[in-house]
Structure formats: C-alpha cells, structure tokens
Amino acid sequence: MNISLMVIIIANVLFSFKGFNDSAFFRKFEFHIGSVRAGEQIRLFSSGFLHADIGHLAFNMLTLYFFAPVVIAYLGSISFVIIYFGSLLFGSLLTIAFHKEDYNYRAVGASGAVTGIVYSAILLQPDMMLGLFFIIPIPAYLFGIAYLLYSIYGMRAKNDTIGHTAHFGGAIGGYLITLAMNPYLVVAHSLMVVLLAIPVLILFVMAKMGKL
C-alpha cells in the first residue's frame, strides 16, 4: 500500500477510535456551524477524521482503499494528498454555504474527501467499471452522475442524516482540482468532463432559484 494512503487511513482510524471513546474529544473536533463561525476553522479539517461509528469508518476507508490507487497511479502521491485535503475543504465550505444559518448543524466523516478521490479517479479513468452493491457492473461515469443527482435529492428532501452537501462539495473539489492539475483531461476526456459537470450546474441553478 502507498505510504500516503496508509498514513491517511491510520490517521482516520486512530482519530475516530479516540472519538468513539471520548465524547469531549469528539465534540471538540466535529464539524459544528456555530463553532466554525466563532473562529474554530480547524473543524473544517478535523471533522473529516472523525466518524459516527465503525460502519461509517469502514465504508469510507474501504472506498478510499479501492479508488486512491487509481489517482496515485496517474498523478502521484503528492497530488493524491492535495486532492484529498482539497476535497475535504470543499465539502466543509459547501456545507457552510448551505447551512450557515443553522448554528446547531453538526457533521463528521471523511466522506467529502473520499468522494473527491472517487470523482478524481472517474475523471482519470472514466471507462472503469464499478460494482454497484459489489455485484451489478456499472460504468464509473454513470455512477458519478447518478450519485450527484442523488445528493441533490438528499439535500432537498432533508429526510436522512447523511451529509449530502459535504459529499457534493467533495465531488466538486475532486473534479476541479484534478482538472486544474491536468487540463489535458478537458480534451482527452471531454465528454466525461461535460457530463460530470451537469449535476453541478443543476445544483447551483436550483440553489439560485431557492429550490434547496
């Protein structure tokens, strides 16, 4: 396993288990709108290393384990780390943008960062196949589009405890940072670049119209 990937996974595991067993630690570093707006910007990043439970942690780390090697193989370890933390930040910032008046809004998890890595991998290798529910084969780009559309639905419905906004922000981060690092993708994978941008445009049009 790549050392950068290993360090990130170990950090998530150690930080999360500390949070499982220390509620004060968990509250101090979770994402909390009121605290962030009061000046505790460290939570924009620290919350990405906390998880709600072992299942949440395992799912995120397993997803990262499968997709990170694609990004590392194409771009190298340093770019992988930049995309990971950049996507984490994008997820936190989009969450602030959509929940800035909800001072009690709380969230944890590496989902924004992991989703950014997933979307980076899709841009780099759009013809790869994913196993939906580990069984049904589906092209990566279709998964990417469907997942963002589902995130928009979740943001609008507000009927679950999933941090859809962070997922969407992370996807945007992974998309933009990967393209900024590798502008040749606009030509090499132009159709995928356009298709993956459509849900992003839908999100901002709906937000502008007050539909979210």
Protein backbone atom coordinates (compact mmCIF):
# COMPACT_ATOMS: atom_id res chain seq x y z
CA MET A 1 0.00 0.00 0.00
CA ASN A 2 1.20 3.53 -0.82
CA ILE A 3 2.57 5.25 2.30
CA SER A 4 0.46 8.41 1.88
CA LEU A 5 -2.71 6.32 1.64
CA MET A 6 -1.62 4.23 4.62
CA VAL A 7 -0.95 7.31 6.78
CA ILE A 8 -4.37 8.81 5.95
CA ILE A 9 -6.20 5.57 6.72
CA ILE A 10 -4.30 5.09 10.01
CA ALA A 11 -4.99 8.71 11.00
CA ASN A 12 -8.71 8.21 10.33
CA VAL A 13 -8.79 5.01 12.37
CA LEU A 14 -6.86 6.43 15.35
CA PHE A 15 -8.75 9.75 15.40
CA SER A 16 -12.12 8.03 15.01
CA PHE A 17 -11.50 5.47 17.77
CA LYS A 18 -10.40 8.27 20.07
CA GLY A 19 -13.71 9.98 19.30
CA PHE A 20 -15.69 6.77 19.89
CA ASN A 21 -14.33 6.58 23.43
CA ASP A 22 -14.06 10.28 24.32
CA SER A 23 -17.17 12.38 23.80
CA ALA A 24 -15.39 15.60 24.80
CA PHE A 25 -12.75 14.97 22.12
CA PHE A 26 -15.48 14.19 19.60
CA ARG A 27 -17.37 17.42 20.36
CA LYS A 28 -14.19 19.47 20.26
CA PHE A 29 -13.26 18.42 16.72
CA GLU A 30 -16.56 17.64 14.97
CA PHE A 31 -17.93 19.94 12.29
CA HIS A 32 -20.26 22.41 14.02
CA ILE A 33 -21.51 25.52 12.24
CA GLY A 34 -21.70 27.65 15.37
CA SER A 35 -18.15 26.82 16.42
CA VAL A 36 -16.72 27.28 12.92
CA ARG A 37 -18.39 30.68 12.60
CA ALA A 38 -16.95 31.55 16.01
CA GLY A 39 -13.45 31.05 14.63
CA GLU A 40 -12.69 27.34 15.09
CA GLN A 41 -11.69 26.69 11.47
CA ILE A 42 -9.68 23.62 12.48
CA ARG A 43 -13.01 21.79 12.49
CA LEU A 44 -13.18 22.14 8.70
CA PHE A 45 -10.43 19.50 8.57
CA SER A 46 -10.54 17.70 11.93
CA SER A 47 -14.17 16.64 11.43
CA GLY A 48 -13.02 14.68 8.38
CA PHE A 49 -11.07 12.32 10.60
CA LEU A 50 -13.95 11.56 12.98
CA HIS A 51 -16.72 9.05 12.22
CA ALA A 52 -20.09 8.31 13.74
CA ASP A 53 -19.44 4.57 14.19
CA ILE A 54 -17.28 1.70 12.97
CA GLY A 55 -19.53 1.03 9.98
CA HIS A 56 -19.22 4.65 8.83
CA LEU A 57 -15.44 4.49 9.22
CA ALA A 58 -15.10 1.13 7.47
CA PHE A 59 -17.20 2.17 4.47
CA ASN A 60 -15.22 5.36 3.91
CA MET A 61 -11.83 3.70 4.32
CA LEU A 62 -12.75 0.75 2.11
CA THR A 63 -13.93 3.13 -0.64
CA LEU A 64 -10.72 5.15 -0.28
CA TYR A 65 -8.64 1.96 -0.43
CA PHE A 66 -10.22 0.96 -3.77
CA PHE A 67 -10.14 4.34 -5.53
CA ALA A 68 -6.98 6.02 -4.20
CA PRO A 69 -4.61 3.72 -6.15
CA VAL A 70 -6.10 5.00 -9.44
CA VAL A 71 -5.34 8.61 -8.50
CA ILE A 72 -1.89 7.73 -7.17
CA ALA A 73 -1.03 5.72 -10.30
CA TYR A 74 -1.95 8.59 -12.62
CA LEU A 75 -0.90 11.62 -10.58
CA GLY A 76 1.44 10.51 -7.79
CA SER A 77 1.25 10.66 -4.02
CA ILE A 78 1.59 14.42 -3.56
CA SER A 79 -1.28 15.17 -5.94
CA PHE A 80 -3.36 12.49 -4.21
CA VAL A 81 -2.84 14.18 -0.84
CA ILE A 82 -3.68 17.61 -2.30
CA ILE A 83 -6.89 16.30 -3.85
CA TYR A 84 -7.84 14.50 -0.62
CA PHE A 85 -7.48 17.53 1.63
CA GLY A 86 -8.73 19.94 -1.02
CA SER A 87 -11.91 17.88 -1.42
CA LEU A 88 -12.34 17.73 2.35
CA LEU A 89 -12.15 21.53 2.46
CA PHE A 90 -14.56 21.93 -0.47
CA GLY A 91 -17.05 19.67 1.32
CA SER A 92 -16.83 21.71 4.50
CA LEU A 93 -17.11 25.04 2.67
CA LEU A 94 -20.15 23.97 0.66
CA THR A 95 -21.76 22.74 3.88
CA ILE A 96 -21.18 26.16 5.43
CA ALA A 97 -22.66 27.84 2.37
CA PHE A 98 -25.86 25.83 2.59
CA HIS A 99 -26.21 25.64 6.40
CA LYS A 100 -24.65 28.93 7.55
CA GLU A 101 -27.79 29.98 9.43
CA ASP A 102 -28.20 26.63 11.19
CA TYR A 103 -25.80 27.16 14.08
CA ASN A 104 -26.56 23.71 15.51
CA TYR A 105 -25.68 21.81 12.34
CA ARG A 106 -23.12 19.06 13.09
CA ALA A 107 -21.35 16.53 10.89
CA VAL A 108 -18.40 14.15 10.88
CA GLY A 109 -16.71 11.84 8.40
CA ALA A 110 -14.19 11.62 5.59
CA SER A 111 -16.96 11.29 3.01
CA GLY A 112 -16.24 14.65 1.33
CA ALA A 113 -12.55 13.81 0.91
CA VAL A 114 -13.27 10.26 -0.19
CA THR A 115 -15.91 11.38 -2.69
CA GLY A 116 -13.36 13.81 -4.14
CA ILE A 117 -10.94 10.93 -4.68
CA VAL A 118 -13.72 8.88 -6.28
CA TYR A 119 -14.50 11.67 -8.75
CA SER A 120 -10.85 12.27 -9.47
CA ALA A 121 -10.48 8.57 -10.30
CA ILE A 122 -13.56 8.71 -12.55
CA LEU A 123 -12.12 11.67 -14.47
CA LEU A 124 -8.77 9.94 -14.87
CA GLN A 125 -10.19 6.56 -15.84
CA PRO A 126 -13.84 7.08 -16.93
CA ASP A 127 -14.08 3.70 -18.67
CA MET A 128 -13.51 1.72 -15.48
CA MET A 129 -16.39 -0.36 -14.21
CA LEU A 130 -17.72 -0.21 -10.67
CA GLY A 131 -19.62 -2.92 -8.83
CA LEU A 132 -22.89 -1.43 -7.62
CA PHE A 133 -23.60 -3.18 -4.31
CA PHE A 134 -20.40 -5.11 -5.21
CA ILE A 135 -22.48 -7.10 -7.74
CA ILE A 136 -24.01 -5.05 -10.57
CA PRO A 137 -21.41 -3.69 -13.05
CA ILE A 138 -21.89 -0.01 -13.91
CA PRO A 139 -19.64 2.44 -15.81
CA ALA A 140 -17.86 4.80 -13.42
CA TYR A 141 -19.15 7.96 -15.10
CA LEU A 142 -22.79 6.83 -14.81
CA PHE A 143 -22.24 6.16 -11.13
CA GLY A 144 -20.73 9.64 -10.74
CA ILE A 145 -23.66 11.41 -12.38
CA ALA A 146 -26.27 9.34 -10.55
CA TYR A 147 -24.57 9.86 -7.20
CA LEU A 148 -24.50 13.64 -7.56
CA LEU A 149 -28.15 13.69 -8.63
CA TYR A 150 -28.99 11.57 -5.57
CA SER A 151 -27.05 14.01 -3.40
CA ILE A 152 -29.13 16.89 -4.78
CA TYR A 153 -32.27 14.93 -3.94
CA GLY A 154 -30.97 14.29 -0.41
CA MET A 155 -30.10 17.97 0.09
CA ARG A 156 -33.61 18.94 -1.00
CA ALA A 157 -35.51 16.22 0.87
CA LYS A 158 -33.61 16.55 4.17
CA ASN A 159 -35.09 13.23 5.29
CA ASP A 160 -31.94 11.42 6.48
CA THR A 161 -28.77 12.01 8.50
CA ILE A 162 -26.36 11.73 5.55
CA GLY A 163 -24.13 14.74 4.87
CA HIS A 164 -25.13 15.07 1.22
CA THR A 165 -23.78 18.62 0.99
CA ALA A 166 -20.30 17.54 2.07
CA HIS A 167 -20.39 14.67 -0.42
CA PHE A 168 -21.35 17.05 -3.22
CA GLY A 169 -18.73 19.61 -2.19
CA GLY A 170 -16.08 16.90 -2.07
CA ALA A 171 -17.05 15.73 -5.55
CA ILE A 172 -16.76 19.31 -6.85
CA GLY A 173 -13.36 19.63 -5.16
CA GLY A 174 -12.04 16.40 -6.66
CA TYR A 175 -13.38 17.40 -10.08
CA LEU A 176 -11.94 20.93 -10.12
CA ILE A 177 -8.57 20.15 -8.54
CA THR A 178 -7.98 17.20 -10.86
CA LEU A 179 -8.78 19.34 -13.91
CA ALA A 180 -6.59 22.17 -12.63
CA MET A 181 -3.69 19.77 -12.22
CA ASN A 182 -4.35 18.03 -15.54
CA PRO A 183 -6.03 20.40 -18.00
CA TYR A 184 -5.33 17.92 -20.82
CA LEU A 185 -8.28 15.91 -19.47
CA VAL A 186 -10.62 18.56 -20.89
CA VAL A 187 -9.54 17.39 -24.34
CA ALA A 188 -8.73 13.75 -23.63
CA HIS A 189 -11.96 13.03 -21.73
CA SER A 190 -14.06 15.99 -22.87
CA LEU A 191 -17.39 14.14 -22.89
CA MET A 192 -16.87 12.91 -19.32
CA VAL A 193 -15.84 16.39 -18.18
CA VAL A 194 -19.08 17.83 -19.57
CA LEU A 195 -21.32 15.02 -18.30
CA LEU A 196 -19.93 15.20 -14.75
CA ALA A 197 -20.40 18.98 -14.76
CA ILE A 198 -24.15 18.75 -15.47
CA PRO A 199 -25.25 17.83 -11.90
CA VAL A 200 -23.06 20.66 -10.56
CA LEU A 201 -24.82 23.15 -12.81
CA ILE A 202 -28.20 21.74 -11.75
CA LEU A 203 -27.26 22.20 -8.10
CA PHE A 204 -26.35 25.86 -8.46
CA VAL A 205 -29.36 26.65 -10.65
CA MET A 206 -31.65 25.08 -8.03
CA ALA A 207 -29.87 26.96 -5.25
CA LYS A 208 -30.23 30.24 -7.18
CA MET A 209 -33.95 29.54 -7.62
CA GLY A 210 -34.37 28.76 -3.93
CA LYS A 211 -35.25 25.14 -4.54
CA LEU A 212 -32.81 23.74 -1.96
